[in-house]
Amino acid sequence: MPKIMIVDDDKLTVSLLTTLLEFDNFQVVSVADGGSAMQRAKAEKPDAFLVDFHLSDGPGTDFIRHLRADSEFAATPVVMASGLNREDEAFEAGANHFMIKPFDPGDLVDIITDLLAGK
């Protein structure tokens, strides 16, 4: 069962995404801020990340840069999401995919599945 780490400070969003992903046979762990996400990632060893652009302690792109600088997570798939078009910033930071909120939950599952399969 693939493990997905959601890095998002919106509790409702995290709850909905957790329900969706668990229904599709993913294990989900969540962290509310980028500052504690790296430590949690080291402990949990997720197979992929879903990162919100706007976190309580700064932009999610900062967290993605930290991930990419760590050899353990340099190639781990990352999907970034935002209510605004921050696609360029997401890709510059190292995200593999960008989604504008609101997005179709089924699309998210398909994207994560494809990324985990190396597509």
Protein backbone atom coordinates (compact mmCIF):
# COMPACT_ATOMS: atom_id res chain seq x y z
CA MET A 1 0.00 0.00 0.00
CA PRO A 2 1.72 3.23 -1.13
CA LYS A 3 2.16 5.92 1.52
CA ILE A 4 1.29 9.52 0.65
CA MET A 5 2.27 12.49 2.81
CA ILE A 6 -0.10 15.44 2.63
CA VAL A 7 1.53 18.74 3.64
CA ASP A 8 -1.37 21.16 4.10
CA ASP A 9 -2.61 23.32 6.98
CA ASP A 10 -6.29 23.24 5.98
CA LYS A 11 -7.86 20.56 8.18
CA LEU A 12 -10.96 20.12 6.02
CA THR A 13 -8.88 19.65 2.87
CA VAL A 14 -6.64 17.14 4.63
CA SER A 15 -9.65 15.23 5.93
CA LEU A 16 -11.30 15.03 2.50
CA LEU A 17 -8.08 14.04 0.72
CA THR A 18 -7.29 11.44 3.37
CA THR A 19 -10.71 9.84 2.92
CA LEU A 20 -10.34 9.84 -0.86
CA LEU A 21 -6.83 8.42 -0.88
CA GLU A 22 -7.54 5.77 1.75
CA PHE A 23 -10.58 4.67 -0.26
CA ASP A 24 -8.20 4.12 -3.19
CA ASN A 25 -5.85 2.01 -1.06
CA PHE A 26 -3.24 4.58 -0.14
CA GLN A 27 -1.87 4.98 3.36
CA VAL A 28 -1.96 8.67 4.33
CA VAL A 29 0.06 10.71 6.78
CA SER A 30 -0.37 14.45 7.11
CA VAL A 31 1.61 17.40 8.37
CA ALA A 32 0.29 20.94 8.75
CA ASP A 33 3.48 22.88 8.04
CA GLY A 34 6.66 22.68 6.04
CA GLY A 35 8.89 23.11 9.06
CA SER A 36 7.96 19.79 10.63
CA ALA A 37 7.30 17.97 7.35
CA MET A 38 10.92 17.05 6.67
CA GLN A 39 11.38 15.40 10.07
CA ARG A 40 8.10 13.53 9.62
CA ALA A 41 9.11 12.49 6.10
CA LYS A 42 12.35 11.00 7.44
CA ALA A 43 10.36 8.97 9.97
CA GLU A 44 7.49 7.93 7.67
CA LYS A 45 9.35 7.40 4.35
CA PRO A 46 6.38 8.31 2.10
CA ASP A 47 6.25 7.11 -1.50
CA ALA A 48 4.86 10.46 -2.72
CA PHE A 49 3.95 13.93 -1.44
CA LEU A 50 0.96 16.20 -1.96
CA VAL A 51 2.00 19.72 -0.97
CA ASP A 52 -0.14 22.85 -0.73
CA PHE A 53 1.46 26.05 -1.99
CA HIS A 54 0.28 28.17 0.95
CA LEU A 55 1.40 26.76 4.29
CA SER A 56 1.18 28.50 7.66
CA ASP A 57 4.96 28.82 7.90
CA GLY A 58 5.73 29.81 4.30
CA PRO A 59 5.38 28.61 0.75
CA GLY A 60 5.25 24.89 0.05
CA THR A 61 7.94 25.44 -2.55
CA ASP A 62 10.44 25.89 0.30
CA PHE A 63 9.60 22.41 1.56
CA ILE A 64 9.92 20.94 -1.94
CA ARG A 65 13.38 22.50 -2.30
CA HIS A 66 14.42 20.89 1.01
CA LEU A 67 13.11 17.55 -0.25
CA ARG A 68 15.00 17.79 -3.51
CA ALA A 69 18.22 18.71 -1.68
CA ASP A 70 18.01 15.50 0.36
CA SER A 71 19.25 12.45 -1.55
CA GLU A 72 16.65 10.28 0.18
CA PHE A 73 13.78 12.25 -1.42
CA ALA A 74 15.42 13.72 -4.52
CA ALA A 75 13.38 11.47 -6.81
CA THR A 76 10.22 11.02 -4.71
CA PRO A 77 7.12 12.18 -6.65
CA VAL A 78 5.67 15.51 -5.54
CA VAL A 79 2.32 17.00 -6.53
CA MET A 80 1.76 20.64 -5.59
CA ALA A 81 -1.69 22.22 -5.37
CA SER A 82 -2.90 25.81 -5.06
CA GLY A 83 -6.00 27.88 -5.63
CA LEU A 84 -3.86 30.17 -7.79
CA ASN A 85 -1.77 29.32 -10.81
CA ARG A 86 1.66 28.78 -9.25
CA GLU A 87 2.70 26.15 -11.77
CA ASP A 88 5.98 27.83 -12.77
CA GLU A 89 7.06 28.21 -9.14
CA ALA A 90 6.06 24.62 -8.36
CA PHE A 91 8.12 23.19 -11.21
CA GLU A 92 11.09 25.46 -10.43
CA ALA A 93 11.07 24.11 -6.86
CA GLY A 94 11.06 20.52 -8.13
CA ALA A 95 7.42 19.41 -8.19
CA ASN A 96 6.53 16.68 -10.67
CA HIS A 97 2.96 17.89 -11.18
CA PHE A 98 0.82 20.92 -10.36
CA MET A 99 -2.94 21.07 -9.80
CA ILE A 100 -5.19 24.11 -9.43
CA LYS A 101 -7.81 23.84 -6.68
CA PRO A 102 -10.50 22.80 -6.80
CA PHE A 103 -9.48 19.70 -8.70
CA ASP A 104 -11.22 16.46 -9.52
CA PRO A 105 -10.28 13.95 -6.80
CA GLY A 106 -10.18 11.16 -9.36
CA ASP A 107 -7.57 13.11 -11.32
CA LEU A 108 -5.39 13.32 -8.20
CA VAL A 109 -5.50 9.56 -7.70
CA ASP A 110 -4.65 8.99 -11.38
CA ILE A 111 -1.74 11.43 -11.26
CA ILE A 112 -0.26 9.94 -8.09
CA THR A 113 -0.70 6.41 -9.46
CA ASP A 114 1.06 7.40 -12.71
CA LEU A 115 3.90 9.13 -10.86
CA LEU A 116 4.44 6.10 -8.64
CA ALA A 117 4.52 3.90 -11.75
CA GLY A 118 7.20 6.13 -13.24
CA LYS A 119 5.03 7.60 -16.00
